[in-house]
């Protein structure tokens, strides 16, 4: 954790629904939340879609152990997409 606080705090925040504000930009709001989360050593729940780039995603989730595990499992790389590709439209392109 950054700063002097050594006790992590877990918070689950979701952006859902409709905003009556005419200038509300939901994708911009999500990008801002993802950026704030990375800057504060947080993690985004992987049940939701992300707008992060692969580099931003790997800043949040260190890929080293994940990639090592994928390589160690027979047929894993052929059978299953990477997590980033499952939760990101950018990853599926």
PDB file of N, CA and C in Angstrom:
ATOM      1  N   UNK A   1       0.839  -1.171   0.000  1.00  0.00           N
ATOM      2  CA  UNK A   1       0.000   0.000   0.000  1.00  0.00           C
ATOM      3  C   UNK A   1       0.886   1.238   0.000  1.00  0.00           C
ATOM      4  N   UNK A   2       0.462   2.256  -0.686  1.00  0.00           N
ATOM      5  CA  UNK A   2       1.188   3.519  -0.689  1.00  0.00           C
ATOM      6  C   UNK A   2       0.855   4.294   0.576  1.00  0.00           C
ATOM      7  N   UNK A   3       1.755   5.162   0.984  1.00  0.00           N
ATOM      8  CA  UNK A   3       1.502   5.975   2.159  1.00  0.00           C
ATOM      9  C   UNK A   3       1.873   5.251   3.433  1.00  0.00           C
ATOM     10  N   UNK A   4       1.433   5.780   4.552  1.00  0.00           N
ATOM     11  CA  UNK A   4       1.776   5.232   5.863  1.00  0.00           C
ATOM     12  C   UNK A   4       0.848   4.119   6.312  1.00  0.00           C
ATOM     13  N   UNK A   5      -0.296   3.976   5.689  1.00  0.00           N
ATOM     14  CA  UNK A   5      -1.273   2.976   6.112  1.00  0.00           C
ATOM     15  C   UNK A   5      -0.800   1.585   5.716  1.00  0.00           C
ATOM     16  N   UNK A   6      -0.621   0.707   6.691  1.00  0.00           N
ATOM     17  CA  UNK A   6      -0.164  -0.647   6.409  1.00  0.00           C
ATOM     18  C   UNK A   6      -1.313  -1.651   6.399  1.00  0.00           C
ATOM     19  N   UNK A   7      -2.503  -1.207   6.765  1.00  0.00           N
ATOM     20  CA  UNK A   7      -3.669  -2.082   6.771  1.00  0.00           C
ATOM     21  C   UNK A   7      -4.485  -1.829   5.513  1.00  0.00           C
ATOM     22  N   UNK A   8      -4.583  -2.834   4.632  1.00  0.00           N
ATOM     23  CA  UNK A   8      -5.357  -2.622   3.410  1.00  0.00           C
ATOM     24  C   UNK A   8      -6.850  -2.499   3.691  1.00  0.00           C
ATOM     25  N   UNK A   9      -7.504  -1.734   2.881  1.00  0.00           N
ATOM     26  CA  UNK A   9      -8.948  -1.578   2.955  1.00  0.00           C
ATOM     27  C   UNK A   9      -9.523  -2.118   1.652  1.00  0.00           C
ATOM     28  N   UNK A  10     -10.547  -2.929   1.745  1.00  0.00           N
ATOM     29  CA  UNK A  10     -11.185  -3.503   0.568  1.00  0.00           C
ATOM     30  C   UNK A  10     -12.520  -2.813   0.337  1.00  0.00           C
ATOM     31  N   UNK A  11     -12.677  -2.249  -0.836  1.00  0.00           N
ATOM     32  CA  UNK A  11     -13.900  -1.542  -1.195  1.00  0.00           C
ATOM     33  C   UNK A  11     -14.334  -2.039  -2.572  1.00  0.00           C
ATOM     34  N   UNK A  12     -15.596  -2.334  -2.725  1.00  0.00           N
ATOM     35  CA  UNK A  12     -16.141  -2.762  -4.009  1.00  0.00           C
ATOM     36  C   UNK A  12     -17.108  -1.682  -4.488  1.00  0.00           C
ATOM     37  N   UNK A  13     -16.724  -0.987  -5.541  1.00  0.00           N
ATOM     38  CA  UNK A  13     -17.533   0.101  -6.077  1.00  0.00           C
ATOM     39  C   UNK A  13     -17.937  -0.268  -7.493  1.00  0.00           C
ATOM     40  N   UNK A  14     -19.188  -0.089  -7.821  1.00  0.00           N
ATOM     41  CA  UNK A  14     -19.662  -0.376  -9.174  1.00  0.00           C
ATOM     42  C   UNK A  14     -20.319   0.838  -9.788  1.00  0.00           C
ATOM     43  N   UNK A  15     -20.210   0.929 -11.084  1.00  0.00           N
ATOM     44  CA  UNK A  15     -20.897   1.979 -11.839  1.00  0.00           C
ATOM     45  C   UNK A  15     -21.988   1.296 -12.648  1.00  0.00           C
ATOM     46  N   UNK A  16     -23.218   1.596 -12.301  1.00  0.00           N
ATOM     47  CA  UNK A  16     -24.348   0.930 -12.949  1.00  0.00           C
ATOM     48  C   UNK A  16     -25.417   1.949 -13.320  1.00  0.00           C
ATOM     49  N   UNK A  17     -26.208   1.586 -14.277  1.00  0.00           N
ATOM     50  CA  UNK A  17     -27.422   2.344 -14.543  1.00  0.00           C
ATOM     51  C   UNK A  17     -27.270   3.560 -15.422  1.00  0.00           C
ATOM     52  N   UNK A  18     -28.178   4.461 -15.243  1.00  0.00           N
ATOM     53  CA  UNK A  18     -28.353   5.622 -16.104  1.00  0.00           C
ATOM     54  C   UNK A  18     -28.124   6.894 -15.299  1.00  0.00           C
ATOM     55  N   UNK A  19     -27.507   7.887 -15.926  1.00  0.00           N
ATOM     56  CA  UNK A  19     -27.353   9.192 -15.279  1.00  0.00           C
ATOM     57  C   UNK A  19     -28.167  10.215 -16.066  1.00  0.00           C
ATOM     58  N   UNK A  20     -28.958  11.024 -15.379  1.00  0.00           N
ATOM     59  CA  UNK A  20     -29.739  12.044 -16.083  1.00  0.00           C
ATOM     60  C   UNK A  20     -28.887  13.236 -16.532  1.00  0.00           C
ATOM     61  N   UNK A  21     -27.622  13.283 -16.075  1.00  0.00           N
ATOM     62  CA  UNK A  21     -26.759  14.387 -16.476  1.00  0.00           C
ATOM     63  C   UNK A  21     -26.460  14.291 -17.979  1.00  0.00           C
ATOM     64  N   UNK A  22     -26.765  15.324 -18.748  1.00  0.00           N
ATOM     65  CA  UNK A  22     -26.557  15.245 -20.207  1.00  0.00           C
ATOM     66  C   UNK A  22     -25.087  15.120 -20.604  1.00  0.00           C
ATOM     67  N   UNK A  23     -24.171  15.595 -19.764  1.00  0.00           N
ATOM     68  CA  UNK A  23     -22.755  15.538 -20.121  1.00  0.00           C
ATOM     69  C   UNK A  23     -22.022  14.347 -19.485  1.00  0.00           C
ATOM     70  N   UNK A  24     -22.760  13.402 -18.876  1.00  0.00           N
ATOM     71  CA  UNK A  24     -22.142  12.237 -18.246  1.00  0.00           C
ATOM     72  C   UNK A  24     -21.570  11.307 -19.306  1.00  0.00           C
ATOM     73  N   UNK A  25     -20.321  10.911 -19.108  1.00  0.00           N
ATOM     74  CA  UNK A  25     -19.646   9.997 -20.038  1.00  0.00           C
ATOM     75  C   UNK A  25     -19.256   8.739 -19.256  1.00  0.00           C
ATOM     76  N   UNK A  26     -20.035   7.659 -19.369  1.00  0.00           N
ATOM     77  CA  UNK A  26     -19.780   6.475 -18.551  1.00  0.00           C
ATOM     78  C   UNK A  26     -18.405   5.855 -18.781  1.00  0.00           C
ATOM     79  N   UNK A  27     -17.939   5.815 -20.024  1.00  0.00           N
ATOM     80  CA  UNK A  27     -16.622   5.217 -20.279  1.00  0.00           C
ATOM     81  C   UNK A  27     -15.514   6.055 -19.652  1.00  0.00           C
ATOM     82  N   UNK A  28     -15.670   7.367 -19.702  1.00  0.00           N
ATOM     83  CA  UNK A  28     -14.686   8.249 -19.075  1.00  0.00           C
ATOM     84  C   UNK A  28     -14.690   8.055 -17.556  1.00  0.00           C
ATOM     85  N   UNK A  29     -15.864   7.891 -16.973  1.00  0.00           N
ATOM     86  CA  UNK A  29     -15.970   7.654 -15.530  1.00  0.00           C
ATOM     87  C   UNK A  29     -15.275   6.350 -15.149  1.00  0.00           C
ATOM     88  N   UNK A  30     -15.483   5.296 -15.945  1.00  0.00           N
ATOM     89  CA  UNK A  30     -14.848   4.008 -15.658  1.00  0.00           C
ATOM     90  C   UNK A  30     -13.337   4.113 -15.801  1.00  0.00           C
ATOM     91  N   UNK A  31     -12.853   4.766 -16.852  1.00  0.00           N
ATOM     92  CA  UNK A  31     -11.408   4.944 -17.040  1.00  0.00           C
ATOM     93  C   UNK A  31     -10.811   5.680 -15.842  1.00  0.00           C
ATOM     94  N   UNK A  32     -11.509   6.719 -15.362  1.00  0.00           N
ATOM     95  CA  UNK A  32     -11.020   7.475 -14.206  1.00  0.00           C
ATOM     96  C   UNK A  32     -10.971   6.599 -12.954  1.00  0.00           C
ATOM     97  N   UNK A  33     -11.979   5.749 -12.764  1.00  0.00           N
ATOM     98  CA  UNK A  33     -11.991   4.853 -11.597  1.00  0.00           C
ATOM     99  C   UNK A  33     -10.866   3.825 -11.700  1.00  0.00           C
ATOM    100  N   UNK A  34     -10.646   3.290 -12.909  1.00  0.00           N
ATOM    101  CA  UNK A  34      -9.567   2.322 -13.093  1.00  0.00           C
ATOM    102  C   UNK A  34      -8.207   2.977 -12.802  1.00  0.00           C
ATOM    103  N   UNK A  35      -8.018   4.197 -13.275  1.00  0.00           N
ATOM    104  CA  UNK A  35      -6.763   4.924 -13.044  1.00  0.00           C
ATOM    105  C   UNK A  35      -6.571   5.185 -11.542  1.00  0.00           C
ATOM    106  N   UNK A  36      -7.603   5.659 -10.875  1.00  0.00           N
ATOM    107  CA  UNK A  36      -7.545   5.901  -9.433  1.00  0.00           C
ATOM    108  C   UNK A  36      -7.181   4.612  -8.697  1.00  0.00           C
ATOM    109  N   UNK A  37      -7.777   3.513  -9.101  1.00  0.00           N
ATOM    110  CA  UNK A  37      -7.539   2.217  -8.463  1.00  0.00           C
ATOM    111  C   UNK A  37      -6.074   1.803  -8.623  1.00  0.00           C
ATOM    112  N   UNK A  38      -5.530   1.936  -9.832  1.00  0.00           N
ATOM    113  CA  UNK A  38      -4.114   1.602 -10.048  1.00  0.00           C
ATOM    114  C   UNK A  38      -3.205   2.499  -9.211  1.00  0.00           C
ATOM    115  N   UNK A  39      -3.504   3.783  -9.174  1.00  0.00           N
ATOM    116  CA  UNK A  39      -2.673   4.741  -8.438  1.00  0.00           C
ATOM    117  C   UNK A  39      -2.665   4.475  -6.930  1.00  0.00           C
ATOM    118  N   UNK A  40      -3.671   3.765  -6.442  1.00  0.00           N
ATOM    119  CA  UNK A  40      -3.774   3.474  -5.013  1.00  0.00           C
ATOM    120  C   UNK A  40      -3.573   1.989  -4.720  1.00  0.00           C
ATOM    121  N   UNK A  41      -2.840   1.314  -5.612  1.00  0.00           N
ATOM    122  CA  UNK A  41      -2.515  -0.116  -5.448  1.00  0.00           C
ATOM    123  C   UNK A  41      -3.748  -0.986  -5.262  1.00  0.00           C
ATOM    124  N   UNK A  42      -4.823  -0.613  -5.927  1.00  0.00           N
ATOM    125  CA  UNK A  42      -6.055  -1.386  -5.829  1.00  0.00           C
ATOM    126  C   UNK A  42      -6.192  -2.369  -6.981  1.00  0.00           C
ATOM    127  N   UNK A  43      -7.269  -3.123  -6.954  1.00  0.00           N
ATOM    128  CA  UNK A  43      -7.550  -4.122  -7.983  1.00  0.00           C
ATOM    129  C   UNK A  43      -8.993  -4.017  -8.418  1.00  0.00           C
ATOM    130  N   UNK A  44      -9.195  -4.176  -9.688  1.00  0.00           N
ATOM    131  CA  UNK A  44     -10.549  -4.190 -10.247  1.00  0.00           C
ATOM    132  C   UNK A  44     -11.065  -5.621 -10.234  1.00  0.00           C
ATOM    133  N   UNK A  45     -12.320  -5.783  -9.872  1.00  0.00           N
ATOM    134  CA  UNK A  45     -12.925  -7.112  -9.925  1.00  0.00           C
ATOM    135  C   UNK A  45     -12.925  -7.628 -11.350  1.00  0.00           C
ATOM    136  N   UNK A  46     -12.510  -8.860 -11.540  1.00  0.00           N
ATOM    137  CA  UNK A  46     -12.399  -9.409 -12.892  1.00  0.00           C
ATOM    138  C   UNK A  46     -13.701  -9.985 -13.407  1.00  0.00           C
ATOM    139  N   UNK A  47     -14.797  -9.727 -12.716  1.00  0.00           N
ATOM    140  CA  UNK A  47     -16.106 -10.134 -13.209  1.00  0.00           C
ATOM    141  C   UNK A  47     -16.669  -9.089 -14.158  1.00  0.00           C
ATOM    142  N   UNK A  48     -16.010  -7.938 -14.233  1.00  0.00           N
ATOM    143  CA  UNK A  48     -16.510  -6.823 -15.042  1.00  0.00           C
ATOM    144  C   UNK A  48     -15.577  -6.577 -16.222  1.00  0.00           C
ATOM    145  N   UNK A  49     -16.114  -5.914 -17.224  1.00  0.00           N
ATOM    146  CA  UNK A  49     -15.279  -5.540 -18.362  1.00  0.00           C
ATOM    147  C   UNK A  49     -14.368  -4.391 -17.972  1.00  0.00           C
ATOM    148  N   UNK A  50     -13.195  -4.355 -18.564  1.00  0.00           N
ATOM    149  CA  UNK A  50     -12.250  -3.285 -18.291  1.00  0.00           C
ATOM    150  C   UNK A  50     -12.011  -2.461 -19.546  1.00  0.00           C
ATOM    151  N   UNK A  51     -11.672  -1.207 -19.342  1.00  0.00           N
ATOM    152  CA  UNK A  51     -11.277  -0.335 -20.448  1.00  0.00           C
ATOM    153  C   UNK A  51      -9.775  -0.094 -20.422  1.00  0.00           C
ATOM    154  N   UNK A  52      -9.064  -0.758 -19.522  1.00  0.00           N
ATOM    155  CA  UNK A  52      -7.614  -0.586 -19.429  1.00  0.00           C
ATOM    156  C   UNK A  52      -6.926  -1.181 -20.652  1.00  0.00           C
ATOM    157  N   UNK A  53      -5.781  -0.593 -20.986  1.00  0.00           N
ATOM    158  CA  UNK A  53      -4.922  -1.203 -21.995  1.00  0.00           C
ATOM    159  C   UNK A  53      -4.234  -2.404 -21.359  1.00  0.00           C
ATOM    160  N   UNK A  54      -3.600  -3.229 -22.160  1.00  0.00           N
ATOM    161  CA  UNK A  54      -2.863  -4.392 -21.629  1.00  0.00           C
ATOM    162  C   UNK A  54      -1.774  -3.919 -20.659  1.00  0.00           C
ATOM    163  N   UNK A  55      -1.102  -2.829 -20.987  1.00  0.00           N
ATOM    164  CA  UNK A  55      -0.050  -2.310 -20.122  1.00  0.00           C
ATOM    165  C   UNK A  55      -0.623  -1.844 -18.778  1.00  0.00           C
ATOM    166  N   UNK A  56      -1.763  -1.153 -18.810  1.00  0.00           N
ATOM    167  CA  UNK A  56      -2.403  -0.705 -17.574  1.00  0.00           C
ATOM    168  C   UNK A  56      -2.862  -1.904 -16.740  1.00  0.00           C
ATOM    169  N   UNK A  57      -3.413  -2.916 -17.415  1.00  0.00           N
ATOM    170  CA  UNK A  57      -3.864  -4.129 -16.736  1.00  0.00           C
ATOM    171  C   UNK A  57      -2.693  -4.814 -16.036  1.00  0.00           C
ATOM    172  N   UNK A  58      -1.547  -4.897 -16.726  1.00  0.00           N
ATOM    173  CA  UNK A  58      -0.376  -5.554 -16.145  1.00  0.00           C
ATOM    174  C   UNK A  58       0.261  -4.707 -15.051  1.00  0.00           C
ATOM    175  N   UNK A  59      -0.013  -3.402 -15.051  1.00  0.00           N
ATOM    176  CA  UNK A  59       0.417  -2.552 -13.936  1.00  0.00           C
ATOM    177  C   UNK A  59      -0.394  -2.905 -12.690  1.00  0.00           C
ATOM    178  N   UNK A  60      -1.669  -3.223 -12.882  1.00  0.00           N
ATOM    179  CA  UNK A  60      -2.543  -3.580 -11.772  1.00  0.00           C
ATOM    180  C   UNK A  60      -2.323  -5.025 -11.332  1.00  0.00           C
ATOM    181  N   UNK A  61      -2.163  -5.925 -12.287  1.00  0.00           N
ATOM    182  CA  UNK A  61      -1.997  -7.360 -12.012  1.00  0.00           C
ATOM    183  C   UNK A  61      -0.670  -7.823 -12.598  1.00  0.00           C
ATOM    184  N   UNK A  62       0.309  -8.053 -11.737  1.00  0.00           N
ATOM    185  CA  UNK A  62       1.629  -8.518 -12.182  1.00  0.00           C
ATOM    186  C   UNK A  62       1.456  -9.848 -12.925  1.00  0.00           C
ATOM    187  N   UNK A  63       1.826  -9.900 -14.216  1.00  0.00           N
ATOM    188  CA  UNK A  63       1.571 -11.104 -15.000  1.00  0.00           C
ATOM    189  C   UNK A  63       2.589 -12.217 -14.810  1.00  0.00           C
ATOM    190  N   UNK A  64       3.660 -12.001 -14.070  1.00  0.00           N
ATOM    191  CA  UNK A  64       4.745 -12.984 -14.032  1.00  0.00           C
ATOM    192  C   UNK A  64       4.299 -14.354 -13.509  1.00  0.00           C
ATOM    193  N   UNK A  65       3.608 -14.411 -12.385  1.00  0.00           N
ATOM    194  CA  UNK A  65       3.174 -15.711 -11.844  1.00  0.00           C
ATOM    195  C   UNK A  65       2.096 -16.336 -12.721  1.00  0.00           C
ATOM    196  N   UNK A  66       1.197 -15.502 -13.205  1.00  0.00           N
ATOM    197  CA  UNK A  66       0.107 -15.978 -14.064  1.00  0.00           C
ATOM    198  C   UNK A  66       0.668 -16.625 -15.330  1.00  0.00           C
ATOM    199  N   UNK A  67       1.616 -15.965 -15.988  1.00  0.00           N
ATOM    200  CA  UNK A  67       2.197 -16.501 -17.223  1.00  0.00           C
ATOM    201  C   UNK A  67       2.976 -17.788 -16.948  1.00  0.00           C
ATOM    202  N   UNK A  68       3.690 -17.830 -15.824  1.00  0.00           N
ATOM    203  CA  UNK A  68       4.436 -19.042 -15.451  1.00  0.00           C
ATOM    204  C   UNK A  68       3.481 -20.219 -15.256  1.00  0.00           C
ATOM    205  N   UNK A  69       2.351 -19.966 -14.582  1.00  0.00           N
ATOM    206  CA  UNK A  69       1.373 -21.028 -14.345  1.00  0.00           C
ATOM    207  C   UNK A  69       0.748 -21.496 -15.657  1.00  0.00           C
ATOM    208  N   UNK A  70       0.392 -20.556 -16.527  1.00  0.00           N
ATOM    209  CA  UNK A  70      -0.207 -20.933 -17.822  1.00  0.00           C
ATOM    210  C   UNK A  70       0.742 -21.822 -18.625  1.00  0.00           C
ATOM    211  N   UNK A  71       2.020 -21.481 -18.623  1.00  0.00           N
ATOM    212  CA  UNK A  71       3.010 -22.260 -19.383  1.00  0.00           C
ATOM    213  C   UNK A  71       3.214 -23.653 -18.784  1.00  0.00           C
ATOM    214  N   UNK A  72       3.003 -23.796 -17.476  1.00  0.00           N
ATOM    215  CA  UNK A  72       3.239 -25.080 -16.815  1.00  0.00           C
ATOM    216  C   UNK A  72       2.079 -26.069 -17.002  1.00  0.00           C
ATOM    217  N   UNK A  73       0.915 -25.586 -17.355  1.00  0.00           N
ATOM    218  CA  UNK A  73      -0.250 -26.468 -17.500  1.00  0.00           C
ATOM    219  C   UNK A  73      -0.389 -26.951 -18.941  1.00  0.00           C
ATOM    220  N   UNK A  74      -0.480 -28.255 -19.137  1.00  0.00           N
ATOM    221  CA  UNK A  74      -0.596 -28.781 -20.506  1.00  0.00           C
ATOM    222  C   UNK A  74      -1.815 -28.208 -21.228  1.00  0.00           C
ATOM    223  N   UNK A  75      -1.604 -27.750 -22.425  1.00  0.00           N
ATOM    224  CA  UNK A  75      -2.649 -27.246 -23.335  1.00  0.00           C
ATOM    225  C   UNK A  75      -3.379 -26.000 -22.843  1.00  0.00           C
ATOM    226  N   UNK A  76      -2.944 -25.413 -21.741  1.00  0.00           N
ATOM    227  CA  UNK A  76      -3.625 -24.234 -21.203  1.00  0.00           C
ATOM    228  C   UNK A  76      -3.631 -23.095 -22.222  1.00  0.00           C
ATOM    229  N   UNK A  77      -2.473 -22.805 -22.793  1.00  0.00           N
ATOM    230  CA  UNK A  77      -2.382 -21.685 -23.730  1.00  0.00           C
ATOM    231  C   UNK A  77      -3.200 -21.926 -24.991  1.00  0.00           C
ATOM    232  N   UNK A  78      -3.327 -23.173 -25.403  1.00  0.00           N
ATOM    233  CA  UNK A  78      -4.131 -23.488 -26.592  1.00  0.00           C
ATOM    234  C   UNK A  78      -5.626 -23.504 -26.279  1.00  0.00           C
ATOM    235  N   UNK A  79      -5.978 -23.895 -25.068  1.00  0.00           N
ATOM    236  CA  UNK A  79      -7.388 -24.104 -24.731  1.00  0.00           C
ATOM    237  C   UNK A  79      -8.087 -22.879 -24.145  1.00  0.00           C
ATOM    238  N   UNK A  80      -7.354 -22.020 -23.445  1.00  0.00           N
ATOM    239  CA  UNK A  80      -8.006 -20.943 -22.709  1.00  0.00           C
ATOM    240  C   UNK A  80      -7.401 -19.586 -23.045  1.00  0.00           C
ATOM    241  N   UNK A  81      -8.247 -18.597 -23.278  1.00  0.00           N
ATOM    242  CA  UNK A  81      -7.716 -17.250 -23.508  1.00  0.00           C
ATOM    243  C   UNK A  81      -7.162 -16.670 -22.205  1.00  0.00           C
ATOM    244  N   UNK A  82      -6.320 -15.675 -22.327  1.00  0.00           N
ATOM    245  CA  UNK A  82      -5.819 -14.985 -21.143  1.00  0.00           C
ATOM    246  C   UNK A  82      -6.954 -14.185 -20.506  1.00  0.00           C
ATOM    247  N   UNK A  83      -6.836 -13.933 -19.223  1.00  0.00           N
ATOM    248  CA  UNK A  83      -7.866 -13.193 -18.489  1.00  0.00           C
ATOM    249  C   UNK A  83      -8.129 -11.843 -19.149  1.00  0.00           C
ATOM    250  N   UNK A  84      -7.066 -11.127 -19.503  1.00  0.00           N
ATOM    251  CA  UNK A  84      -7.237  -9.802 -20.119  1.00  0.00           C
ATOM    252  C   UNK A  84      -8.092  -9.895 -21.382  1.00  0.00           C
ATOM    253  N   UNK A  85      -7.863 -10.916 -22.181  1.00  0.00           N
ATOM    254  CA  UNK A  85      -8.621 -11.073 -23.424  1.00  0.00           C
ATOM    255  C   UNK A  85     -10.091 -11.381 -23.164  1.00  0.00           C
ATOM    256  N   UNK A  86     -10.396 -11.979 -22.033  1.00  0.00           N
ATOM    257  CA  UNK A  86     -11.793 -12.296 -21.692  1.00  0.00           C
ATOM    258  C   UNK A  86     -12.566 -11.081 -21.216  1.00  0.00           C
ATOM    259  N   UNK A  87     -11.879 -10.134 -20.549  1.00  0.00           N
ATOM    260  CA  UNK A  87     -12.602  -9.017 -19.937  1.00  0.00           C
ATOM    261  C   UNK A  87     -12.399  -7.689 -20.659  1.00  0.00           C
ATOM    262  N   UNK A  88     -11.686  -7.708 -21.787  1.00  0.00           N
ATOM    263  CA  UNK A  88     -11.379  -6.467 -22.488  1.00  0.00           C
ATOM    264  C   UNK A  88     -11.700  -6.579 -23.965  1.00  0.00           C
ATOM    265  N   UNK A  89     -12.461  -5.630 -24.474  1.00  0.00           N
ATOM    266  CA  UNK A  89     -12.711  -5.583 -25.915  1.00  0.00           C
ATOM    267  C   UNK A  89     -11.409  -5.356 -26.669  1.00  0.00           C
ATOM    268  N   UNK A  90     -10.503  -4.564 -26.081  1.00  0.00           N
ATOM    269  CA  UNK A  90      -9.198  -4.337 -26.706  1.00  0.00           C
ATOM    270  C   UNK A  90      -8.432  -5.646 -26.838  1.00  0.00           C
ATOM    271  N   UNK A  91      -8.529  -6.519 -25.839  1.00  0.00           N
ATOM    272  CA  UNK A  91      -7.842  -7.794 -25.866  1.00  0.00           C
ATOM    273  C   UNK A  91      -8.429  -8.771 -26.861  1.00  0.00           C
ATOM    274  N   UNK A  92      -9.690  -8.603 -27.192  1.00  0.00           N
ATOM    275  CA  UNK A  92     -10.348  -9.513 -28.133  1.00  0.00           C
ATOM    276  C   UNK A  92     -10.188  -9.091 -29.592  1.00  0.00           C
ATOM    277  N   UNK A  93      -9.592  -7.916 -29.820  1.00  0.00           N
ATOM    278  CA  UNK A  93      -9.418  -7.457 -31.214  1.00  0.00           C
ATOM    279  C   UNK A  93      -8.304  -8.199 -31.896  1.00  0.00           C
TER     280      UNK A  93
END
